[in-house]
C-alpha atoms as a PDB file:
ATOM      1  CA  MET A   1     -67.472 238.406  -5.347  1.00  0.00           C
ATOM      2  CA  ARG A   2     -63.628 238.106  -5.787  1.00  0.00           C
ATOM      3  CA  GLN A   3     -61.979 236.129  -3.015  1.00  0.00           C
ATOM      4  CA  ALA A   4     -58.424 237.028  -1.440  1.00  0.00           C
ATOM      5  CA  ARG A   5     -56.287 235.235   0.726  1.00  0.00           C
ATOM      6  CA  VAL A   6     -54.313 237.322   3.976  1.00  0.00           C
ATOM      7  CA  SER A   7     -51.653 235.514   5.489  1.00  0.00           C
ATOM      8  CA  THR A   8     -52.639 234.610   9.382  1.00  0.00           C
ATOM      9  CA  SER A   9     -50.335 232.987  11.934  1.00  0.00           C
ATOM     10  CA  ASP A  10     -51.507 229.479  11.074  1.00  0.00           C
ATOM     11  CA  LYS A  11     -53.661 229.441   8.208  1.00  0.00           C
ATOM     12  CA  PHE A  12     -55.036 231.592   5.258  1.00  0.00           C
ATOM     13  CA  CYS A  13     -58.601 233.438   5.647  1.00  0.00           C
ATOM     14  CA  GLN A  14     -61.225 233.621   2.414  1.00  0.00           C
ATOM     15  CA  VAL A  15     -62.251 237.171   2.852  1.00  0.00           C
ATOM     16  CA  SER A  16     -65.823 237.941   2.511  1.00  0.00           C
ATOM     17  CA  PRO A  17     -68.015 240.540   4.519  1.00  0.00           C
ATOM     18  CA  GLU A  18     -68.312 238.416   7.321  1.00  0.00           C
ATOM     19  CA  THR A  19     -64.664 237.507   7.978  1.00  0.00           C
ATOM     20  CA  LEU A  20     -63.126 240.443   6.620  1.00  0.00           C
ATOM     21  CA  PRO A  21     -62.991 242.273   9.837  1.00  0.00           C
ATOM     22  CA  TRP A  22     -61.585 239.144  11.762  1.00  0.00           C
ATOM     23  CA  CYS A  23     -58.918 238.686   8.737  1.00  0.00           C
ATOM     24  CA  LEU A  24     -57.150 242.260   9.403  1.00  0.00           C
ATOM     25  CA  HIS A  25     -57.191 241.998  12.966  1.00  0.00           C
ATOM     26  CA  ALA A  26     -55.668 238.896  12.336  1.00  0.00           C
ATOM     27  CA  SER A  27     -53.333 240.589  10.130  1.00  0.00           C
ATOM     28  CA  ILE A  28     -52.571 243.536  12.138  1.00  0.00           C
ATOM     29  CA  ARG A  29     -51.405 241.116  14.998  1.00  0.00           C
ATOM     30  CA  GLN A  30     -49.303 239.000  13.139  1.00  0.00           C
ATOM     31  CA  ARG A  31     -47.583 242.368  11.627  1.00  0.00           C
ATOM     32  CA  TYR A  32     -47.461 243.800  15.116  1.00  0.00           C
ATOM     33  CA  ALA A  33     -46.156 240.189  16.725  1.00  0.00           C
ATOM     34  CA  ALA A  34     -43.366 239.974  13.880  1.00  0.00           C
ATOM     35  CA  HIS A  35     -42.610 243.815  14.730  1.00  0.00           C
ATOM     36  CA  SER A  36     -42.350 243.349  18.242  1.00  0.00           C
ATOM     37  CA  LYS A  37     -40.395 240.401  17.778  1.00  0.00           C
ATOM     38  CA  GLU A  38     -37.784 242.573  15.961  1.00  0.00           C
ATOM     39  CA  LEU A  39     -38.093 244.976  18.668  1.00  0.00           C
ATOM     40  CA  LEU A  40     -37.395 242.377  21.619  1.00  0.00           C
ATOM     41  CA  MET A  41     -34.491 241.356  19.405  1.00  0.00           C
ATOM     42  CA  LYS A  42     -32.953 244.856  19.230  1.00  0.00           C
ATOM     43  CA  VAL A  43     -33.817 245.161  23.476  1.00  0.00           C
ATOM     44  CA  LEU A  44     -31.801 241.896  24.079  1.00  0.00           C
ATOM     45  CA  VAL A  45     -29.212 242.825  21.492  1.00  0.00           C
ATOM     46  CA  THR A  46     -28.887 246.029  23.448  1.00  0.00           C
ATOM     47  CA  CYS A  47     -29.154 244.425  27.146  1.00  0.00           C
ATOM     48  CA  ASP A  48     -26.733 242.206  25.880  1.00  0.00           C
ATOM     49  CA  TYR A  49     -23.975 245.036  24.886  1.00  0.00           C
ATOM     50  CA  MET A  50     -24.754 247.028  28.120  1.00  0.00           C
ATOM     51  CA  ARG A  51     -24.077 243.640  30.344  1.00  0.00           C
ATOM     52  CA  LEU A  52     -20.695 243.522  27.929  1.00  0.00           C
ATOM     53  CA  VAL A  53     -19.476 246.854  28.764  1.00  0.00           C
ATOM     54  CA  SER A  54     -20.829 246.232  32.560  1.00  0.00           C
ATOM     55  CA  ASN A  55     -18.571 243.262  32.211  1.00  0.00           C
ATOM     56  CA  LEU A  56     -15.794 244.979  31.020  1.00  0.00           C
ATOM     57  CA  HIS A  57     -16.083 247.616  33.043  1.00  0.00           C
ATOM     58  CA  ALA A  58     -15.860 245.577  36.248  1.00  0.00           C
ATOM     59  CA  LEU A  59     -13.036 243.524  34.446  1.00  0.00           C
ATOM     60  CA  TRP A  60     -10.898 246.443  33.926  1.00  0.00           C
ATOM     61  CA  VAL A  61     -11.729 247.416  37.793  1.00  0.00           C
ATOM     62  CA  GLY A  62     -11.146 244.303  39.319  1.00  0.00           C
ATOM     63  CA  LEU A  63      -7.897 243.387  37.021  1.00  0.00           C
ATOM     64  CA  GLY A  64      -6.629 246.425  34.543  1.00  0.00           C
ATOM     65  CA  GLU A  65      -6.811 249.336  37.278  1.00  0.00           C
ATOM     66  CA  PRO A  66      -4.846 247.801  40.253  1.00  0.00           C
ATOM     67  CA  ARG A  67      -1.934 246.707  37.530  1.00  0.00           C
ATOM     68  CA  MET A  68      -2.057 250.320  35.834  1.00  0.00           C
ATOM     69  CA  ARG A  69      -1.273 251.675  39.210  1.00  0.00           C
ATOM     70  CA  ARG A  70       1.109 249.514  40.172  1.00  0.00           C
ATOM     71  CA  ALA A  71       2.769 250.529  36.928  1.00  0.00           C
ATOM     72  CA  ILE A  72       2.432 254.059  37.866  1.00  0.00           C
ATOM     73  CA  SER A  73       3.794 253.361  40.851  1.00  0.00           C
ATOM     74  CA  ASP A  74       6.905 251.393  40.105  1.00  0.00           C
ATOM     75  CA  ARG A  75       7.970 253.893  37.201  1.00  0.00           C
ATOM     76  CA  ARG A  76       7.351 256.581  39.761  1.00  0.00           C
ATOM     77  CA  SER A  77       9.812 254.608  42.288  1.00  0.00           C
ATOM     78  CA  LYS A  78      12.499 253.933  39.508  1.00  0.00           C
ATOM     79  CA  ALA A  79      12.424 257.716  38.608  1.00  0.00           C
ATOM     80  CA  ALA A  80      13.092 258.563  42.396  1.00  0.00           C
ATOM     81  CA  SER A  81      15.467 255.473  42.714  1.00  0.00           C
ATOM     82  CA  ARG A  82      17.273 256.591  39.930  1.00  0.00           C
ATOM     83  CA  GLY A  83      18.890 259.626  41.082  1.00  0.00           C
ATOM     84  CA  PHE A  84      20.546 262.840  39.707  1.00  0.00           C
ATOM     85  CA  SER A  85      21.692 262.817  36.041  1.00  0.00           C
ATOM     86  CA  LEU A  86      24.673 263.944  35.151  1.00  0.00           C
ATOM     87  CA  ILE A  87      23.237 267.597  33.444  1.00  0.00           C
ATOM     88  CA  GLU A  88      21.621 267.935  36.922  1.00  0.00           C
ATOM     89  CA  LEU A  89      24.543 267.318  38.642  1.00  0.00           C
ATOM     90  CA  LEU A  90      26.996 269.859  36.484  1.00  0.00           C
ATOM     91  CA  ILE A  91      23.240 272.659  36.863  1.00  0.00           C
ATOM     92  CA  VAL A  92      23.862 272.332  40.999  1.00  0.00           C
ATOM     93  CA  VAL A  93      27.297 272.527  41.173  1.00  0.00           C
ATOM     94  CA  ALA A  94      27.604 275.406  39.094  1.00  0.00           C
ATOM     95  CA  ILE A  95      24.877 276.740  41.276  1.00  0.00           C
ATOM     96  CA  ILE A  96      27.097 276.488  43.884  1.00  0.00           C
ATOM     97  CA  LEU A  97      30.107 277.547  42.170  1.00  0.00           C
ATOM     98  CA  ILE A  98      28.419 280.938  41.897  1.00  0.00           C
ATOM     99  CA  ILE A  99      26.729 281.430  44.911  1.00  0.00           C
ATOM    100  CA  ALA A 100      30.768 280.907  46.343  1.00  0.00           C
ATOM    101  CA  ALA A 101      31.971 283.415  43.806  1.00  0.00           C
ATOM    102  CA  ILE A 102      29.469 285.947  45.261  1.00  0.00           C
ATOM    103  CA  ALA A 103      30.006 285.151  49.160  1.00  0.00           C
ATOM    104  CA  ILE A 104      33.574 284.165  48.986  1.00  0.00           C
ATOM    105  CA  PRO A 105      34.659 287.499  49.158  1.00  0.00           C
ATOM    106  CA  ASN A 106      32.134 289.266  51.280  1.00  0.00           C
ATOM    107  CA  LEU A 107      33.176 286.681  53.802  1.00  0.00           C
ATOM    108  CA  LEU A 108      37.127 287.539  53.288  1.00  0.00           C
ATOM    109  CA  ARG A 109      36.286 290.989  53.751  1.00  0.00           C
ATOM    110  CA  ALA A 110      34.131 290.471  56.698  1.00  0.00           C
ATOM    111  CA  ARG A 111      37.045 288.331  58.419  1.00  0.00           C
ATOM    112  CA  MET A 112      39.567 290.968  57.524  1.00  0.00           C
ATOM    113  CA  ALA A 113      37.037 294.339  58.684  1.00  0.00           C
ATOM    114  CA  ALA A 114      37.030 292.035  62.054  1.00  0.00           C
ATOM    115  CA  ASN A 115      40.641 291.333  62.427  1.00  0.00           C
ATOM    116  CA  GLU A 116      41.153 295.142  62.089  1.00  0.00           C
ATOM    117  CA  SER A 117      38.381 296.229  64.857  1.00  0.00           C
ATOM    118  CA  SER A 118      40.329 293.829  67.406  1.00  0.00           C
ATOM    119  CA  ALA A 119      43.946 294.627  66.471  1.00  0.00           C
ATOM    120  CA  ALA A 120      42.778 298.283  66.922  1.00  0.00           C
ATOM    121  CA  SER A 121      41.555 297.487  70.349  1.00  0.00           C
ATOM    122  CA  SER A 122      44.742 295.476  71.165  1.00  0.00           C
ATOM    123  CA  VAL A 123      46.667 298.614  70.490  1.00  0.00           C
ATOM    124  CA  ARG A 124      44.726 300.941  72.641  1.00  0.00           C
ATOM    125  CA  GLN A 125      45.174 297.803  75.603  1.00  0.00           C
ATOM    126  CA  ILE A 126      48.692 297.966  74.995  1.00  0.00           C
ATOM    127  CA  SER A 127      49.092 301.434  74.767  1.00  0.00           C
ATOM    128  CA  ARG A 128      46.912 301.734  78.160  1.00  0.00           C
ATOM    129  CA  ALA A 129      49.165 299.222  79.487  1.00  0.00           C
ATOM    130  CA  GLU A 130      52.447 301.504  78.974  1.00  0.00           C
ATOM    131  CA  MET A 131      50.884 304.057  81.112  1.00  0.00           C
ATOM    132  CA  ALA A 132      49.848 301.588  83.511  1.00  0.00           C
ATOM    133  CA  TYR A 133      53.589 300.628  83.630  1.00  0.00           C
ATOM    134  CA  TYR A 134      55.054 304.089  83.545  1.00  0.00           C
ATOM    135  CA  ALA A 135      52.819 305.014  86.896  1.00  0.00           C
ATOM    136  CA  ALA A 136      53.280 301.653  88.595  1.00  0.00           C
ATOM    137  CA  TYR A 137      57.252 301.668  87.621  1.00  0.00           C
ATOM    138  CA  PRO A 138      58.530 305.649  87.545  1.00  0.00           C
ATOM    139  CA  ASP A 139      61.966 304.930  87.633  1.00  0.00           C
ATOM    140  CA  LYS A 140      61.857 302.539  84.304  1.00  0.00           C
ATOM    141  CA  GLY A 141      59.553 304.580  82.645  1.00  0.00           C
ATOM    142  CA  TYR A 142      57.825 302.503  79.971  1.00  0.00           C
ATOM    143  CA  ALA A 143      58.638 298.846  79.666  1.00  0.00           C
ATOM    144  CA  ASP A 144      60.902 297.786  76.984  1.00  0.00           C
ATOM    145  CA  ALA A 145      59.084 295.083  75.213  1.00  0.00           C
ATOM    146  CA  LEU A 146      55.799 293.922  75.067  1.00  0.00           C
ATOM    147  CA  ILE A 147      56.537 290.726  77.206  1.00  0.00           C
ATOM    148  CA  ASN A 148      57.423 292.706  80.253  1.00  0.00           C
ATOM    149  CA  LEU A 149      53.340 294.364  80.382  1.00  0.00           C
ATOM    150  CA  SER A 150      52.599 290.931  81.163  1.00  0.00           C
ATOM    151  CA  GLY A 151      53.264 287.818  83.474  1.00  0.00           C
ATOM    152  CA  PRO A 152      52.777 284.160  84.357  1.00  0.00           C
ATOM    153  CA  GLU A 153      48.751 282.957  83.866  1.00  0.00           C
ATOM    154  CA  VAL A 154      48.428 281.509  87.311  1.00  0.00           C
ATOM    155  CA  ASN A 155      50.007 283.439  90.674  1.00  0.00           C
ATOM    156  CA  CYS A 156      51.371 286.489  88.886  1.00  0.00           C
ATOM    157  CA  GLN A 157      53.618 288.827  90.979  1.00  0.00           C
ATOM    158  CA  PRO A 158      53.700 292.497  89.396  1.00  0.00           C
ATOM    159  CA  THR A 159      57.577 293.100  88.808  1.00  0.00           C
ATOM    160  CA  VAL A 160      59.399 295.180  86.742  1.00  0.00           C
ATOM    161  CA  THR A 161      59.657 292.573  84.279  1.00  0.00           C
ATOM    162  CA  SER A 162      56.562 291.133  84.331  1.00  0.00           C
ATOM    163  CA  ALA A 163      53.824 293.644  85.246  1.00  0.00           C
ATOM    164  CA  CYS A 164      50.895 291.910  85.336  1.00  0.00           C
ATOM    165  CA  LEU A 165      48.878 294.084  82.788  1.00  0.00           C
ATOM    166  CA  LEU A 166      47.894 291.975  80.075  1.00  0.00           C
ATOM    167  CA  ASP A 167      46.978 288.543  79.252  1.00  0.00           C
ATOM    168  CA  THR A 168      49.578 286.139  77.669  1.00  0.00           C
ATOM    169  CA  SER A 169      46.925 285.983  74.238  1.00  0.00           C
ATOM    170  CA  LEU A 170      48.121 289.719  73.916  1.00  0.00           C
ATOM    171  CA  SER A 171      51.766 289.389  75.093  1.00  0.00           C
ATOM    172  CA  SER A 172      52.320 286.373  72.692  1.00  0.00           C
ATOM    173  CA  GLY A 173      52.702 289.219  70.385  1.00  0.00           C
ATOM    174  CA  GLN A 174      49.844 287.488  67.870  1.00  0.00           C
ATOM    175  CA  LYS A 175      46.383 287.563  68.079  1.00  0.00           C
ATOM    176  CA  SER A 176      43.354 288.046  65.452  1.00  0.00           C
ATOM    177  CA  GLY A 177      45.333 287.595  62.537  1.00  0.00           C
ATOM    178  CA  TYR A 178      47.614 290.358  63.183  1.00  0.00           C
ATOM    179  CA  ASN A 179      51.648 290.606  64.941  1.00  0.00           C
ATOM    180  CA  PHE A 180      51.834 293.241  67.269  1.00  0.00           C
ATOM    181  CA  LEU A 181      55.077 294.491  69.214  1.00  0.00           C
ATOM    182  CA  ALA A 182      55.390 297.353  72.249  1.00  0.00           C
ATOM    183  CA  THR A 183      58.840 298.833  72.449  1.00  0.00           C
ATOM    184  CA  GLY A 184      60.121 301.742  74.705  1.00  0.00           C
ATOM    185  CA  ALA A 185      62.284 304.159  73.094  1.00  0.00           C
ATOM    186  CA  LEU A 186      63.987 307.933  73.581  1.00  0.00           C
ATOM    187  CA  PRO A 187      65.774 306.284  76.468  1.00  0.00           C
ATOM    188  CA  SER A 188      67.501 309.288  79.306  1.00  0.00           C
ATOM    189  CA  GLY A 189      69.735 307.357  81.219  1.00  0.00           C
ATOM    190  CA  PRO A 190      67.821 303.778  82.684  1.00  0.00           C
ATOM    191  CA  MET A 191      64.799 305.004  82.016  1.00  0.00           C
ATOM    192  CA  ASN A 192      62.318 305.279  78.542  1.00  0.00           C
ATOM    193  CA  THR A 193      60.603 308.555  77.798  1.00  0.00           C
ATOM    194  CA  ALA A 194      58.762 307.159  74.840  1.00  0.00           C
ATOM    195  CA  PHE A 195      57.101 304.096  73.347  1.00  0.00           C
ATOM    196  CA  VAL A 196      55.141 302.480  70.381  1.00  0.00           C
ATOM    197  CA  VAL A 197      52.736 299.899  69.942  1.00  0.00           C
ATOM    198  CA  GLY A 198      52.264 298.526  66.609  1.00  0.00           C
ATOM    199  CA  ALA A 199      50.507 296.135  65.159  1.00  0.00           C
ATOM    200  CA  ALA A 200      50.363 294.853  61.421  1.00  0.00           C
ATOM    201  CA  PRO A 201      48.740 291.928  59.355  1.00  0.00           C
ATOM    202  CA  ILE A 202      50.289 288.428  59.458  1.00  0.00           C
ATOM    203  CA  THR A 203      48.936 288.036  55.985  1.00  0.00           C
ATOM    204  CA  TYR A 204      48.565 291.217  54.173  1.00  0.00           C
ATOM    205  CA  GLU A 205      44.959 291.072  51.796  1.00  0.00           C
ATOM    206  CA  SER A 206      43.822 288.277  53.648  1.00  0.00           C
ATOM    207  CA  SER A 207      44.114 288.677  57.196  1.00  0.00           C
ATOM    208  CA  GLY A 208      44.128 292.454  57.181  1.00  0.00           C
ATOM    209  CA  SER A 209      45.471 295.479  55.369  1.00  0.00           C
ATOM    210  CA  ARG A 210      45.514 297.811  57.900  1.00  0.00           C
ATOM    211  CA  GLU A 211      48.444 298.980  60.242  1.00  0.00           C
ATOM    212  CA  PHE A 212      47.620 300.330  63.659  1.00  0.00           C
ATOM    213  CA  CYS A 213      49.934 302.144  65.920  1.00  0.00           C
ATOM    214  CA  SER A 214      50.186 304.396  69.575  1.00  0.00           C
ATOM    215  CA  ILE A 215      52.465 306.164  70.928  1.00  0.00           C
ATOM    216  CA  ALA A 216      52.231 308.210  74.459  1.00  0.00           C
ATOM    217  CA  ASP A 217      50.005 310.626  73.306  1.00  0.00           C
ATOM    218  CA  GLY A 218      47.281 307.653  73.222  1.00  0.00           C
ATOM    219  CA  VAL A 219      46.249 308.480  69.899  1.00  0.00           C
ATOM    220  CA  LEU A 220      45.483 305.861  67.439  1.00  0.00           C
ATOM    221  CA  ARG A 221      46.695 306.074  64.010  1.00  0.00           C
ATOM    222  CA  ALA A 222      46.568 303.868  60.777  1.00  0.00           C
ATOM    223  CA  GLN A 223      47.442 302.984  57.655  1.00  0.00           C
ATOM    224  CA  THR A 224      47.087 300.959  54.850  1.00  0.00           C
ATOM    225  CA  GLY A 225      49.971 298.955  54.873  1.00  0.00           C
ATOM    226  CA  ALA A 226      51.819 296.530  52.168  1.00  0.00           C
ATOM    227  CA  ALA A 227      52.953 292.845  51.980  1.00  0.00           C
ATOM    228  CA  GLY A 228      55.634 291.983  54.370  1.00  0.00           C
ATOM    229  CA  ASP A 229      55.616 295.325  56.526  1.00  0.00           C
ATOM    230  CA  PRO A 230      56.263 294.861  60.131  1.00  0.00           C
ATOM    231  CA  PRO A 231      54.318 296.294  62.981  1.00  0.00           C
ATOM    232  CA  PRO A 232      55.459 300.194  63.488  1.00  0.00           C
ATOM    233  CA  SER A 233      58.151 300.100  65.642  1.00  0.00           C
ATOM    234  CA  ASP A 234      59.704 303.874  65.519  1.00  0.00           C
ATOM    235  CA  VAL A 235      57.865 306.773  67.350  1.00  0.00           C
ATOM    236  CA  ASN A 236      58.973 309.192  64.090  1.00  0.00           C
ATOM    237  CA  ILE A 237      57.603 306.503  61.969  1.00  0.00           C
ATOM    238  CA  CYS A 238      54.126 306.135  64.086  1.00  0.00           C
ATOM    239  CA  ALA A 239      53.719 309.877  64.398  1.00  0.00           C
ATOM    240  CA  ALA A 240      53.446 310.351  60.741  1.00  0.00           C
ATOM    241  CA  PHE A 241      50.432 308.123  60.351  1.00  0.00           C
ATOM    242  CA  PRO A 242      47.345 309.494  60.137  1.00  0.00           C
ATOM    243  CA  ALA A 243      44.463 309.415  63.102  1.00  0.00           C
ATOM    244  CA  ALA A 244      42.132 306.708  63.001  1.00  0.00           C
ATOM    245  CA  GLN A 245      38.826 306.804  61.922  1.00  0.00           C
END
């Protein structure tokens, strides 16, 4: 009978009908052990790799991530403390100039409209004071000048030369960007039978653009003036003004 050798863990098997089962089992066990050892090595290597990855992650969390966060925070703080660049400042200045170019003319027109409204109201007030003066001093008629319609601020006693009918802010001749005057006209003896109240802007197209006047008929008149025009001081000139709208 032909004999064969089968390697086991520590001896050779003589294959025979009696020993064949044992030798086959030994060979299978040897191969299984070798395969198991190889598989175990792979598992150990895999475990070592996983442990290495875990250690690297712990190192990142413990050291790298805080440093990265600090680096990002430092970069942001430097960018914040750096301030504006020249381009950014130029853009801001350009925006401000555009807004100013749009807003300033509107503000100027609004101020002129407010000054003109105040001037119209002041002319009406002076005209009413002239009529009250005429009623108080019929022998004199209308006041010779604007100052005669006012008087001292304290303890004012009405007289022909200071009737105490206007406050000093208006009788001074200037208010809200306008010059004012009041003049007695068409004298008949010592009596003024007419008057003219006039107002003109101090600075044309800046403090106002319209001139105002009124005479004994009590109608407020207005027209667009010109630079350097004085307040209307003649009855005929004022009468030629159109009525204010």
